[in-house]
Amino acid sequence: RTLHPAGSHCLEGAMNAYIDNEFAKALANMQAMAGDAALHADLLRAVDLCERALRGGRKLLFAGNGGSAADAQHWAGELVSRFYYDRPGLAAIALTTDSSILTAIGNDYGYDYVFARQVEALGQAGDVLVAISTSGNSPNVLRAADVARARGMQVVAFTGRSGGKLLPMSDLCFRMPSDETPRIQEGHEFVGHLLCALIEAGLYPRDAG
């Protein structure tokens, strides 16, 4: 028989309580999103913006830091490759992936410009910038949104509850109903997947053969 120190049961109980609490918060976050009519309407608007850009020979640019950079790369990958099924690739670029470009811009201009400079170089009127920032206040994402607007691009933002400084700079903003970074990121991932799925289905309906 294995003997366990008395304290191990207390630790296990605390860990289980933490797990239960995290599940409860995640579920509450998703339920709030499910009941948010404005979020649903914004999702349809975002799909329309992105589809119009892609149908017009334009592209989607994605930018974010840390976990948001991972989302940028993830969603661009879903569109360029495939999401639910095989179809032609869709024009999407994550501005977070080229280490030579990122370090050159960071070295020459500063980290605040790593996305703005790329938008300046690659962005065209009619493109869409998907700007991801849990706080809504990431300086490099704000600069990218500013350049995008100046170039006649649409800006779709993903933020936390307040929207931060990015809110007034965006054409529409997905504000997650939380102030906790993990909950915000979980919401972003879900809405990002919906966006990719709906763009795919809209441009290349599965039953169209």
C-alpha atoms as a PDB file:
ATOM      1  CA  ARG A   1       0.000   0.000   0.000  1.00  0.00           C
ATOM      2  CA  THR A   2       1.375   3.415  -0.946  1.00  0.00           C
ATOM      3  CA  LEU A   3       1.348   6.007   1.796  1.00  0.00           C
ATOM      4  CA  HIS A   4       0.563   9.601   0.850  1.00  0.00           C
ATOM      5  CA  PRO A   5       1.539  12.578   2.982  1.00  0.00           C
ATOM      6  CA  ALA A   6      -1.500  14.193   4.577  1.00  0.00           C
ATOM      7  CA  GLY A   7      -0.816  17.405   2.715  1.00  0.00           C
ATOM      8  CA  SER A   8      -1.118  15.710  -0.671  1.00  0.00           C
ATOM      9  CA  HIS A   9      -4.881  15.322  -0.230  1.00  0.00           C
ATOM     10  CA  CYS A  10      -5.234  19.029   0.478  1.00  0.00           C
ATOM     11  CA  LEU A  11      -3.158  19.837  -2.586  1.00  0.00           C
ATOM     12  CA  GLU A  12      -5.214  17.503  -4.756  1.00  0.00           C
ATOM     13  CA  GLY A  13      -8.412  19.079  -3.480  1.00  0.00           C
ATOM     14  CA  ALA A  14      -7.126  22.567  -4.227  1.00  0.00           C
ATOM     15  CA  MET A  15      -6.102  21.518  -7.733  1.00  0.00           C
ATOM     16  CA  ASN A  16      -9.495  19.955  -8.418  1.00  0.00           C
ATOM     17  CA  ALA A  17     -11.230  23.088  -7.146  1.00  0.00           C
ATOM     18  CA  TYR A  18      -9.066  25.200  -9.446  1.00  0.00           C
ATOM     19  CA  ILE A  19      -9.880  22.955 -12.426  1.00  0.00           C
ATOM     20  CA  ASP A  20     -13.610  23.107 -11.675  1.00  0.00           C
ATOM     21  CA  ASN A  21     -13.451  26.895 -11.363  1.00  0.00           C
ATOM     22  CA  GLU A  22     -11.617  27.269 -14.676  1.00  0.00           C
ATOM     23  CA  PHE A  23     -14.183  25.082 -16.427  1.00  0.00           C
ATOM     24  CA  ALA A  24     -16.968  27.171 -14.892  1.00  0.00           C
ATOM     25  CA  LYS A  25     -15.404  30.426 -16.074  1.00  0.00           C
ATOM     26  CA  ALA A  26     -14.806  29.056 -19.584  1.00  0.00           C
ATOM     27  CA  LEU A  27     -18.383  27.814 -19.831  1.00  0.00           C
ATOM     28  CA  ALA A  28     -19.765  31.141 -18.575  1.00  0.00           C
ATOM     29  CA  ASN A  29     -17.633  32.950 -21.160  1.00  0.00           C
ATOM     30  CA  MET A  30     -18.923  30.773 -24.006  1.00  0.00           C
ATOM     31  CA  GLN A  31     -22.519  31.123 -22.812  1.00  0.00           C
ATOM     32  CA  ALA A  32     -22.175  34.901 -22.749  1.00  0.00           C
ATOM     33  CA  MET A  33     -20.814  34.813 -26.306  1.00  0.00           C
ATOM     34  CA  ALA A  34     -23.597  32.486 -27.452  1.00  0.00           C
ATOM     35  CA  GLY A  35     -26.199  34.945 -26.155  1.00  0.00           C
ATOM     36  CA  ASP A  36     -24.534  38.063 -27.585  1.00  0.00           C
ATOM     37  CA  ALA A  37     -26.635  39.134 -30.578  1.00  0.00           C
ATOM     38  CA  ALA A  38     -24.190  41.924 -31.456  1.00  0.00           C
ATOM     39  CA  LEU A  39     -21.311  39.449 -31.678  1.00  0.00           C
ATOM     40  CA  HIS A  40     -23.357  37.239 -33.996  1.00  0.00           C
ATOM     41  CA  ALA A  41     -24.188  40.228 -36.210  1.00  0.00           C
ATOM     42  CA  ASP A  42     -20.548  41.320 -36.272  1.00  0.00           C
ATOM     43  CA  LEU A  43     -19.512  37.821 -37.298  1.00  0.00           C
ATOM     44  CA  LEU A  44     -21.795  37.990 -40.339  1.00  0.00           C
ATOM     45  CA  ARG A  45     -20.412  41.435 -41.175  1.00  0.00           C
ATOM     46  CA  ALA A  46     -16.829  40.195 -40.845  1.00  0.00           C
ATOM     47  CA  VAL A  47     -17.536  37.250 -43.124  1.00  0.00           C
ATOM     48  CA  ASP A  48     -19.003  39.637 -45.698  1.00  0.00           C
ATOM     49  CA  LEU A  49     -15.979  41.976 -45.503  1.00  0.00           C
ATOM     50  CA  CYS A  50     -13.536  39.109 -45.912  1.00  0.00           C
ATOM     51  CA  GLU A  51     -15.478  37.429 -48.707  1.00  0.00           C
ATOM     52  CA  ARG A  52     -15.743  40.688 -50.657  1.00  0.00           C
ATOM     53  CA  ALA A  53     -12.003  41.220 -50.285  1.00  0.00           C
ATOM     54  CA  LEU A  54     -11.153  37.711 -51.455  1.00  0.00           C
ATOM     55  CA  ARG A  55     -13.641  37.745 -54.333  1.00  0.00           C
ATOM     56  CA  GLY A  56     -12.081  41.031 -55.462  1.00  0.00           C
ATOM     57  CA  GLY A  57      -8.586  39.554 -55.639  1.00  0.00           C
ATOM     58  CA  ARG A  58      -7.526  41.104 -52.332  1.00  0.00           C
ATOM     59  CA  LYS A  59      -6.168  39.409 -49.217  1.00  0.00           C
ATOM     60  CA  LEU A  60      -6.437  39.086 -45.461  1.00  0.00           C
ATOM     61  CA  LEU A  61      -3.507  40.133 -43.259  1.00  0.00           C
ATOM     62  CA  PHE A  62      -3.281  38.905 -39.654  1.00  0.00           C
ATOM     63  CA  ALA A  63      -1.274  40.468 -36.821  1.00  0.00           C
ATOM     64  CA  GLY A  64      -0.892  39.897 -33.078  1.00  0.00           C
ATOM     65  CA  ASN A  65       1.633  39.250 -30.320  1.00  0.00           C
ATOM     66  CA  GLY A  66       2.324  36.113 -28.284  1.00  0.00           C
ATOM     67  CA  GLY A  67      -0.793  33.949 -28.151  1.00  0.00           C
ATOM     68  CA  SER A  68      -2.398  36.348 -30.618  1.00  0.00           C
ATOM     69  CA  ALA A  69       0.511  35.754 -32.997  1.00  0.00           C
ATOM     70  CA  ALA A  70      -0.255  32.044 -32.749  1.00  0.00           C
ATOM     71  CA  ASP A  71      -3.891  32.824 -33.634  1.00  0.00           C
ATOM     72  CA  ALA A  72      -2.754  34.936 -36.599  1.00  0.00           C
ATOM     73  CA  GLN A  73      -0.690  32.054 -37.956  1.00  0.00           C
ATOM     74  CA  HIS A  74      -3.367  29.483 -37.142  1.00  0.00           C
ATOM     75  CA  TRP A  75      -6.177  31.292 -38.955  1.00  0.00           C
ATOM     76  CA  ALA A  76      -4.038  32.190 -41.960  1.00  0.00           C
ATOM     77  CA  GLY A  77      -3.099  28.512 -42.173  1.00  0.00           C
ATOM     78  CA  GLU A  78      -6.740  27.428 -42.051  1.00  0.00           C
ATOM     79  CA  LEU A  79      -7.523  29.687 -45.018  1.00  0.00           C
ATOM     80  CA  VAL A  80      -4.455  29.084 -47.185  1.00  0.00           C
ATOM     81  CA  SER A  81      -4.629  25.325 -46.668  1.00  0.00           C
ATOM     82  CA  ARG A  82      -8.121  24.122 -45.695  1.00  0.00           C
ATOM     83  CA  PHE A  83     -10.524  24.147 -42.789  1.00  0.00           C
ATOM     84  CA  TYR A  84     -13.297  21.550 -43.083  1.00  0.00           C
ATOM     85  CA  TYR A  85     -12.699  20.320 -46.630  1.00  0.00           C
ATOM     86  CA  ASP A  86     -10.627  20.592 -49.798  1.00  0.00           C
ATOM     87  CA  ARG A  87     -11.062  23.722 -51.940  1.00  0.00           C
ATOM     88  CA  PRO A  88      -8.758  26.299 -53.571  1.00  0.00           C
ATOM     89  CA  GLY A  89      -6.447  28.193 -51.238  1.00  0.00           C
ATOM     90  CA  LEU A  90      -7.502  31.595 -49.950  1.00  0.00           C
ATOM     91  CA  ALA A  91      -5.180  34.609 -49.808  1.00  0.00           C
ATOM     92  CA  ALA A  92      -4.208  35.083 -46.171  1.00  0.00           C
ATOM     93  CA  ILE A  93      -0.874  36.201 -44.686  1.00  0.00           C
ATOM     94  CA  ALA A  94       0.256  36.176 -41.059  1.00  0.00           C
ATOM     95  CA  LEU A  95       2.573  39.125 -40.451  1.00  0.00           C
ATOM     96  CA  THR A  96       4.153  37.302 -37.505  1.00  0.00           C
ATOM     97  CA  THR A  97       6.199  34.609 -39.223  1.00  0.00           C
ATOM     98  CA  ASP A  98       9.195  36.014 -41.131  1.00  0.00           C
ATOM     99  CA  SER A  99      11.998  36.353 -38.588  1.00  0.00           C
ATOM    100  CA  SER A 100      14.253  38.287 -40.981  1.00  0.00           C
ATOM    101  CA  ILE A 101      11.564  40.882 -41.687  1.00  0.00           C
ATOM    102  CA  LEU A 102      10.524  41.123 -38.031  1.00  0.00           C
ATOM    103  CA  THR A 103      14.085  41.550 -36.772  1.00  0.00           C
ATOM    104  CA  ALA A 104      15.029  43.968 -39.549  1.00  0.00           C
ATOM    105  CA  ILE A 105      12.076  46.228 -38.793  1.00  0.00           C
ATOM    106  CA  GLY A 106      12.574  45.862 -35.046  1.00  0.00           C
ATOM    107  CA  ASN A 107      16.248  46.766 -35.395  1.00  0.00           C
ATOM    108  CA  ASP A 108      15.790  49.627 -37.858  1.00  0.00           C
ATOM    109  CA  TYR A 109      12.542  51.188 -36.633  1.00  0.00           C
ATOM    110  CA  GLY A 110      11.612  49.577 -33.305  1.00  0.00           C
ATOM    111  CA  TYR A 111       9.236  46.792 -32.280  1.00  0.00           C
ATOM    112  CA  ASP A 112       6.216  49.090 -32.427  1.00  0.00           C
ATOM    113  CA  TYR A 113       6.577  49.125 -36.228  1.00  0.00           C
ATOM    114  CA  VAL A 114       6.958  45.393 -36.986  1.00  0.00           C
ATOM    115  CA  PHE A 115       3.414  45.090 -38.355  1.00  0.00           C
ATOM    116  CA  ALA A 116       2.833  48.622 -39.636  1.00  0.00           C
ATOM    117  CA  ARG A 117       5.823  48.434 -41.975  1.00  0.00           C
ATOM    118  CA  GLN A 118       4.563  45.156 -43.421  1.00  0.00           C
ATOM    119  CA  VAL A 119       1.075  46.581 -43.913  1.00  0.00           C
ATOM    120  CA  GLU A 120       2.678  49.543 -45.659  1.00  0.00           C
ATOM    121  CA  ALA A 121       4.606  47.184 -47.944  1.00  0.00           C
ATOM    122  CA  LEU A 122       1.924  44.559 -48.606  1.00  0.00           C
ATOM    123  CA  GLY A 123      -1.444  46.167 -47.906  1.00  0.00           C
ATOM    124  CA  GLN A 124      -3.759  47.457 -50.630  1.00  0.00           C
ATOM    125  CA  ALA A 125      -7.103  49.195 -50.641  1.00  0.00           C
ATOM    126  CA  GLY A 126      -9.738  46.499 -50.298  1.00  0.00           C
ATOM    127  CA  ASP A 127      -7.577  44.197 -48.160  1.00  0.00           C
ATOM    128  CA  VAL A 128      -8.649  43.309 -44.612  1.00  0.00           C
ATOM    129  CA  LEU A 129      -6.374  43.542 -41.576  1.00  0.00           C
ATOM    130  CA  VAL A 130      -7.339  41.185 -38.756  1.00  0.00           C
ATOM    131  CA  ALA A 131      -5.820  42.896 -35.720  1.00  0.00           C
ATOM    132  CA  ILE A 132      -5.628  40.713 -32.592  1.00  0.00           C
ATOM    133  CA  SER A 133      -4.894  42.173 -29.147  1.00  0.00           C
ATOM    134  CA  THR A 134      -6.351  40.875 -25.883  1.00  0.00           C
ATOM    135  CA  SER A 135      -5.965  44.320 -24.293  1.00  0.00           C
ATOM    136  CA  GLY A 136      -6.806  46.262 -27.433  1.00  0.00           C
ATOM    137  CA  ASN A 137      -3.791  48.437 -26.647  1.00  0.00           C
ATOM    138  CA  SER A 138      -0.765  46.688 -28.204  1.00  0.00           C
ATOM    139  CA  PRO A 139       1.240  49.562 -29.753  1.00  0.00           C
ATOM    140  CA  ASN A 140       2.425  47.587 -32.787  1.00  0.00           C
ATOM    141  CA  VAL A 141      -1.107  46.382 -33.554  1.00  0.00           C
ATOM    142  CA  LEU A 142      -2.474  49.927 -33.190  1.00  0.00           C
ATOM    143  CA  ARG A 143       0.153  51.259 -35.607  1.00  0.00           C
ATOM    144  CA  ALA A 144      -0.721  48.513 -38.086  1.00  0.00           C
ATOM    145  CA  ALA A 145      -4.418  49.420 -37.865  1.00  0.00           C
ATOM    146  CA  ASP A 146      -3.584  53.085 -38.425  1.00  0.00           C
ATOM    147  CA  VAL A 147      -1.586  52.309 -41.572  1.00  0.00           C
ATOM    148  CA  ALA A 148      -4.276  49.927 -42.802  1.00  0.00           C
ATOM    149  CA  ARG A 149      -6.978  52.577 -42.507  1.00  0.00           C
ATOM    150  CA  ALA A 150      -4.777  55.100 -44.312  1.00  0.00           C
ATOM    151  CA  ARG A 151      -4.391  52.623 -47.172  1.00  0.00           C
ATOM    152  CA  GLY A 152      -8.120  52.067 -47.553  1.00  0.00           C
ATOM    153  CA  MET A 153      -8.183  48.675 -45.859  1.00  0.00           C
ATOM    154  CA  GLN A 154     -10.872  47.352 -43.549  1.00  0.00           C
ATOM    155  CA  VAL A 155      -9.868  46.500 -39.965  1.00  0.00           C
ATOM    156  CA  VAL A 156     -11.440  43.600 -38.076  1.00  0.00           C
ATOM    157  CA  ALA A 157     -10.311  43.580 -34.440  1.00  0.00           C
ATOM    158  CA  PHE A 158     -10.281  40.874 -31.774  1.00  0.00           C
ATOM    159  CA  THR A 159      -9.976  42.214 -28.215  1.00  0.00           C
ATOM    160  CA  GLY A 160     -11.119  41.791 -24.627  1.00  0.00           C
ATOM    161  CA  ARG A 161     -14.176  43.353 -23.039  1.00  0.00           C
ATOM    162  CA  SER A 162     -13.228  47.029 -23.350  1.00  0.00           C
ATOM    163  CA  GLY A 163     -11.870  47.001 -26.891  1.00  0.00           C
ATOM    164  CA  GLY A 164      -9.115  49.356 -25.780  1.00  0.00           C
ATOM    165  CA  LYS A 165      -7.688  51.907 -28.176  1.00  0.00           C
ATOM    166  CA  LEU A 166      -8.218  49.479 -31.039  1.00  0.00           C
ATOM    167  CA  LEU A 167     -12.020  49.728 -30.822  1.00  0.00           C
ATOM    168  CA  PRO A 168     -12.426  53.147 -32.496  1.00  0.00           C
ATOM    169  CA  MET A 169      -9.791  52.244 -35.091  1.00  0.00           C
ATOM    170  CA  SER A 170     -11.650  49.154 -36.309  1.00  0.00           C
ATOM    171  CA  ASP A 171     -14.543  48.706 -38.716  1.00  0.00           C
ATOM    172  CA  LEU A 172     -15.829  46.036 -36.365  1.00  0.00           C
ATOM    173  CA  CYS A 173     -14.469  44.639 -33.128  1.00  0.00           C
ATOM    174  CA  PHE A 174     -15.031  41.254 -31.519  1.00  0.00           C
ATOM    175  CA  ARG A 175     -14.930  42.077 -27.817  1.00  0.00           C
ATOM    176  CA  MET A 176     -14.831  38.973 -25.679  1.00  0.00           C
ATOM    177  CA  PRO A 177     -16.956  39.152 -22.505  1.00  0.00           C
ATOM    178  CA  SER A 178     -13.990  38.828 -20.146  1.00  0.00           C
ATOM    179  CA  ASP A 179     -11.002  40.692 -18.754  1.00  0.00           C
ATOM    180  CA  GLU A 180      -8.921  37.535 -18.242  1.00  0.00           C
ATOM    181  CA  THR A 181      -6.383  36.846 -20.974  1.00  0.00           C
ATOM    182  CA  PRO A 182      -7.011  33.056 -21.102  1.00  0.00           C
ATOM    183  CA  ARG A 183     -10.782  33.545 -21.446  1.00  0.00           C
ATOM    184  CA  ILE A 184     -10.268  36.252 -24.083  1.00  0.00           C
ATOM    185  CA  GLN A 185      -7.949  33.995 -26.072  1.00  0.00           C
ATOM    186  CA  GLU A 186     -10.345  31.060 -25.827  1.00  0.00           C
ATOM    187  CA  GLY A 187     -13.097  33.277 -27.190  1.00  0.00           C
ATOM    188  CA  HIS A 188     -10.850  34.542 -29.970  1.00  0.00           C
ATOM    189  CA  GLU A 189     -10.027  31.008 -31.019  1.00  0.00           C
ATOM    190  CA  PHE A 190     -13.687  30.017 -31.202  1.00  0.00           C
ATOM    191  CA  VAL A 191     -14.774  33.090 -33.161  1.00  0.00           C
ATOM    192  CA  GLY A 192     -11.715  32.803 -35.425  1.00  0.00           C
ATOM    193  CA  HIS A 193     -12.681  29.241 -36.262  1.00  0.00           C
ATOM    194  CA  LEU A 194     -16.231  30.345 -37.046  1.00  0.00           C
ATOM    195  CA  LEU A 195     -14.878  33.086 -39.293  1.00  0.00           C
ATOM    196  CA  CYS A 196     -12.667  30.641 -41.213  1.00  0.00           C
ATOM    197  CA  ALA A 197     -15.460  28.084 -41.562  1.00  0.00           C
ATOM    198  CA  LEU A 198     -17.986  30.626 -42.824  1.00  0.00           C
ATOM    199  CA  ILE A 199     -15.550  32.185 -45.310  1.00  0.00           C
ATOM    200  CA  GLU A 200     -14.712  28.736 -46.658  1.00  0.00           C
ATOM    201  CA  ALA A 201     -18.366  27.759 -46.973  1.00  0.00           C
ATOM    202  CA  GLY A 202     -19.343  31.096 -48.511  1.00  0.00           C
ATOM    203  CA  LEU A 203     -16.668  31.139 -51.182  1.00  0.00           C
ATOM    204  CA  TYR A 204     -16.591  27.419 -51.912  1.00  0.00           C
ATOM    205  CA  PRO A 205     -19.869  25.784 -50.831  1.00  0.00           C
ATOM    206  CA  ARG A 206     -19.297  22.132 -50.111  1.00  0.00           C
ATOM    207  CA  ASP A 207     -22.313  20.939 -52.125  1.00  0.00           C
ATOM    208  CA  ALA A 208     -21.182  22.884 -55.208  1.00  0.00           C
ATOM    209  CA  GLY A 209     -18.959  20.006 -56.269  1.00  0.00           C
END
